[in-house]
Amino acid sequence: MTYDKPQAQTDKVKTYSSVYEAEMAYDNGVIHLQTPIRIFAKGEMRETTLGRVFFNEILPEDFPYDNNVQTKKQLKKVLAADL
């Protein structure tokens, strides 16, 4: 869910003003969870994927945005920092 697909150099990265707008694009098949996008999330414009946005939505509000692929090792770091 949090990895990003390699994108062809000719593909334009889509930009979304909100999580809701990106979620609507996902629901309509315009993007996938791993599609690289630009989105306004947690107070700033980010280059990320919708899967990473969803992952960060479940973290506590004061937790910093984590734009990494969530491997087993990375998840341990996230959980350790949250305790």
N, C-alpha and C. Protein backbone atom coordinates (compact mmCIF):
# COMPACT_ATOMS: atom_id res chain seq x y z
N MET A 1 0.81 -1.19 0.00
CA MET A 1 0.00 0.00 0.00
C MET A 1 0.86 1.26 0.00
N THR A 2 2.05 1.24 0.60
CA THR A 2 2.83 2.46 0.72
C THR A 2 3.98 2.57 -0.26
N TYR A 3 4.22 1.53 -1.06
CA TYR A 3 5.29 1.67 -2.04
C TYR A 3 4.77 2.48 -3.22
N ASP A 4 5.70 3.07 -4.01
CA ASP A 4 5.25 3.83 -5.16
C ASP A 4 5.69 3.16 -6.44
N LYS A 5 4.82 3.22 -7.43
CA LYS A 5 5.09 2.62 -8.73
C LYS A 5 6.06 3.50 -9.49
N PRO A 6 7.04 2.89 -10.19
CA PRO A 6 7.88 3.70 -11.07
C PRO A 6 6.98 4.31 -12.15
N GLN A 7 7.20 5.57 -12.43
CA GLN A 7 6.35 6.25 -13.39
C GLN A 7 7.15 6.60 -14.63
N ALA A 8 6.55 6.45 -15.78
CA ALA A 8 7.22 6.80 -17.03
C ALA A 8 7.57 8.29 -16.99
N GLN A 9 8.68 8.64 -17.58
CA GLN A 9 9.13 10.03 -17.54
C GLN A 9 8.15 10.98 -18.22
N THR A 10 7.33 10.46 -19.12
CA THR A 10 6.36 11.31 -19.80
C THR A 10 5.08 11.47 -19.01
N ASP A 11 4.87 10.64 -17.99
CA ASP A 11 3.65 10.74 -17.17
C ASP A 11 3.72 12.00 -16.30
N LYS A 12 2.64 12.74 -16.28
CA LYS A 12 2.56 13.94 -15.46
C LYS A 12 2.03 13.55 -14.08
N VAL A 13 2.68 14.02 -13.03
CA VAL A 13 2.23 13.75 -11.67
C VAL A 13 0.99 14.61 -11.41
N LYS A 14 -0.09 13.98 -11.02
CA LYS A 14 -1.34 14.70 -10.76
C LYS A 14 -1.27 15.39 -9.40
N THR A 15 -1.93 16.53 -9.32
CA THR A 15 -1.95 17.32 -8.10
C THR A 15 -3.37 17.40 -7.57
N TYR A 16 -3.52 17.22 -6.25
CA TYR A 16 -4.82 17.27 -5.61
C TYR A 16 -4.77 18.24 -4.43
N SER A 17 -5.87 18.98 -4.25
CA SER A 17 -5.90 20.00 -3.20
C SER A 17 -6.31 19.43 -1.84
N SER A 18 -6.82 18.20 -1.83
CA SER A 18 -7.24 17.61 -0.56
C SER A 18 -7.23 16.09 -0.65
N VAL A 19 -7.27 15.47 0.51
CA VAL A 19 -7.35 14.01 0.57
C VAL A 19 -8.67 13.56 -0.06
N TYR A 20 -9.73 14.30 0.19
CA TYR A 20 -11.04 13.95 -0.37
C TYR A 20 -10.99 13.93 -1.90
N GLU A 21 -10.37 14.95 -2.50
CA GLU A 21 -10.28 15.01 -3.97
C GLU A 21 -9.48 13.83 -4.52
N ALA A 22 -8.38 13.48 -3.87
CA ALA A 22 -7.57 12.34 -4.30
C ALA A 22 -8.33 11.03 -4.12
N GLU A 23 -9.08 10.93 -3.04
CA GLU A 23 -9.87 9.72 -2.78
C GLU A 23 -10.96 9.55 -3.85
N MET A 24 -11.55 10.65 -4.29
CA MET A 24 -12.55 10.59 -5.37
C MET A 24 -11.90 10.11 -6.67
N ALA A 25 -10.68 10.59 -6.95
CA ALA A 25 -9.95 10.14 -8.14
C ALA A 25 -9.67 8.65 -8.05
N TYR A 26 -9.32 8.18 -6.86
CA TYR A 26 -9.08 6.75 -6.64
C TYR A 26 -10.36 5.94 -6.86
N ASP A 27 -11.46 6.42 -6.30
CA ASP A 27 -12.75 5.73 -6.45
C ASP A 27 -13.18 5.65 -7.91
N ASN A 28 -12.79 6.64 -8.71
CA ASN A 28 -13.15 6.67 -10.13
C ASN A 28 -12.11 6.02 -11.03
N GLY A 29 -11.07 5.41 -10.43
CA GLY A 29 -10.07 4.69 -11.21
C GLY A 29 -9.03 5.56 -11.89
N VAL A 30 -8.97 6.84 -11.52
CA VAL A 30 -8.00 7.76 -12.13
C VAL A 30 -6.60 7.50 -11.61
N ILE A 31 -6.49 7.19 -10.32
CA ILE A 31 -5.20 6.88 -9.70
C ILE A 31 -5.33 5.59 -8.90
N HIS A 32 -4.19 5.04 -8.51
CA HIS A 32 -4.14 3.84 -7.66
C HIS A 32 -3.46 4.22 -6.34
N LEU A 33 -3.46 3.33 -5.38
CA LEU A 33 -2.85 3.62 -4.08
C LEU A 33 -1.36 3.94 -4.21
N GLN A 34 -0.69 3.35 -5.20
CA GLN A 34 0.75 3.53 -5.35
C GLN A 34 1.14 4.58 -6.40
N THR A 35 0.18 5.26 -6.99
CA THR A 35 0.47 6.26 -8.00
C THR A 35 1.10 7.49 -7.35
N PRO A 36 2.27 7.93 -7.83
CA PRO A 36 2.84 9.18 -7.30
C PRO A 36 1.91 10.36 -7.56
N ILE A 37 1.66 11.16 -6.52
CA ILE A 37 0.80 12.33 -6.63
C ILE A 37 1.39 13.48 -5.82
N ARG A 38 0.89 14.68 -6.08
CA ARG A 38 1.15 15.83 -5.21
C ARG A 38 -0.17 16.12 -4.51
N ILE A 39 -0.10 16.33 -3.20
CA ILE A 39 -1.34 16.54 -2.44
C ILE A 39 -1.07 17.45 -1.25
N PHE A 40 -2.07 18.26 -0.92
CA PHE A 40 -2.00 19.09 0.27
C PHE A 40 -2.46 18.24 1.44
N ALA A 41 -1.51 17.84 2.30
CA ALA A 41 -1.83 16.97 3.43
C ALA A 41 -1.04 17.40 4.66
N LYS A 42 -1.68 17.36 5.80
CA LYS A 42 -1.08 17.76 7.08
C LYS A 42 -0.42 19.13 6.98
N GLY A 43 -1.10 20.06 6.33
CA GLY A 43 -0.66 21.45 6.31
C GLY A 43 0.34 21.85 5.26
N GLU A 44 0.75 20.95 4.38
CA GLU A 44 1.69 21.34 3.33
C GLU A 44 1.55 20.46 2.09
N MET A 45 2.07 20.97 0.97
CA MET A 45 2.05 20.23 -0.29
C MET A 45 3.13 19.17 -0.23
N ARG A 46 2.77 17.93 -0.58
CA ARG A 46 3.70 16.80 -0.50
C ARG A 46 3.68 16.00 -1.80
N GLU A 47 4.83 15.41 -2.14
CA GLU A 47 4.91 14.42 -3.22
C GLU A 47 4.92 13.08 -2.53
N THR A 48 3.88 12.28 -2.76
CA THR A 48 3.68 11.05 -2.02
C THR A 48 2.78 10.12 -2.84
N THR A 49 2.16 9.16 -2.18
CA THR A 49 1.15 8.30 -2.82
C THR A 49 -0.10 8.34 -1.96
N LEU A 50 -1.23 7.97 -2.53
CA LEU A 50 -2.47 7.96 -1.76
C LEU A 50 -2.41 6.91 -0.65
N GLY A 51 -1.73 5.80 -0.89
CA GLY A 51 -1.55 4.79 0.14
C GLY A 51 -0.83 5.34 1.36
N ARG A 52 0.20 6.16 1.13
CA ARG A 52 0.93 6.78 2.24
C ARG A 52 0.07 7.81 2.95
N VAL A 53 -0.75 8.53 2.19
CA VAL A 53 -1.67 9.48 2.81
C VAL A 53 -2.63 8.74 3.74
N PHE A 54 -3.22 7.64 3.25
CA PHE A 54 -4.13 6.85 4.09
C PHE A 54 -3.42 6.33 5.33
N PHE A 55 -2.18 5.86 5.18
CA PHE A 55 -1.41 5.37 6.32
C PHE A 55 -1.25 6.48 7.36
N ASN A 56 -0.88 7.68 6.90
CA ASN A 56 -0.66 8.79 7.82
C ASN A 56 -1.95 9.30 8.45
N GLU A 57 -3.07 9.09 7.79
CA GLU A 57 -4.36 9.51 8.34
C GLU A 57 -4.70 8.75 9.63
N ILE A 58 -4.20 7.51 9.77
CA ILE A 58 -4.53 6.72 10.96
C ILE A 58 -3.58 6.99 12.13
N LEU A 59 -2.48 7.70 11.85
CA LEU A 59 -1.54 8.03 12.92
C LEU A 59 -2.08 9.20 13.74
N PRO A 60 -1.62 9.34 14.99
CA PRO A 60 -2.07 10.48 15.80
C PRO A 60 -1.77 11.81 15.10
N GLU A 61 -2.60 12.80 15.37
CA GLU A 61 -2.51 14.11 14.72
C GLU A 61 -1.14 14.77 14.89
N ASP A 62 -0.53 14.62 16.07
CA ASP A 62 0.76 15.26 16.33
C ASP A 62 1.96 14.47 15.80
N PHE A 63 1.71 13.33 15.20
CA PHE A 63 2.78 12.49 14.66
C PHE A 63 3.26 13.08 13.34
N PRO A 64 4.58 13.14 13.11
CA PRO A 64 5.07 13.71 11.84
C PRO A 64 4.68 12.84 10.65
N TYR A 65 4.53 13.47 9.49
CA TYR A 65 4.17 12.76 8.27
C TYR A 65 5.30 11.82 7.88
N ASP A 66 4.99 10.56 7.65
CA ASP A 66 5.98 9.55 7.28
C ASP A 66 5.78 9.19 5.81
N ASN A 67 6.73 9.62 4.97
CA ASN A 67 6.62 9.42 3.53
C ASN A 67 7.49 8.26 3.05
N ASN A 68 7.69 7.26 3.90
CA ASN A 68 8.52 6.11 3.57
C ASN A 68 7.68 4.90 3.21
N VAL A 69 8.31 3.96 2.49
CA VAL A 69 7.68 2.66 2.27
C VAL A 69 7.63 1.97 3.63
N GLN A 70 6.49 1.41 3.99
CA GLN A 70 6.33 0.81 5.31
C GLN A 70 6.68 -0.68 5.29
N THR A 71 7.96 -0.94 5.42
CA THR A 71 8.43 -2.31 5.57
C THR A 71 8.25 -2.73 7.03
N LYS A 72 8.52 -3.97 7.32
CA LYS A 72 8.42 -4.46 8.70
C LYS A 72 9.34 -3.65 9.62
N LYS A 73 10.54 -3.39 9.14
CA LYS A 73 11.52 -2.62 9.92
C LYS A 73 11.04 -1.18 10.14
N GLN A 74 10.50 -0.57 9.09
CA GLN A 74 10.02 0.81 9.21
C GLN A 74 8.81 0.89 10.15
N LEU A 75 7.93 -0.10 10.08
CA LEU A 75 6.77 -0.11 10.98
C LEU A 75 7.18 -0.22 12.44
N LYS A 76 8.24 -0.98 12.71
CA LYS A 76 8.75 -1.07 14.09
C LYS A 76 9.20 0.30 14.57
N LYS A 77 9.86 1.07 13.69
CA LYS A 77 10.30 2.42 14.05
C LYS A 77 9.11 3.32 14.33
N VAL A 78 8.09 3.22 13.50
CA VAL A 78 6.89 4.04 13.68
C VAL A 78 6.22 3.71 15.00
N LEU A 79 6.06 2.43 15.29
CA LEU A 79 5.42 2.02 16.54
C LEU A 79 6.25 2.38 17.76
N ALA A 80 7.56 2.28 17.65
CA ALA A 80 8.43 2.63 18.77
C ALA A 80 8.36 4.12 19.06
N ALA A 81 8.28 4.93 18.03
CA ALA A 81 8.21 6.38 18.20
C ALA A 81 6.86 6.80 18.76
N ASP A 82 5.84 6.01 18.52
CA ASP A 82 4.49 6.35 18.96
C ASP A 82 4.26 6.04 20.43
N LEU A 83 5.08 5.19 21.03
CA LEU A 83 4.86 4.79 22.42
C LEU A 83 5.30 5.81 23.41
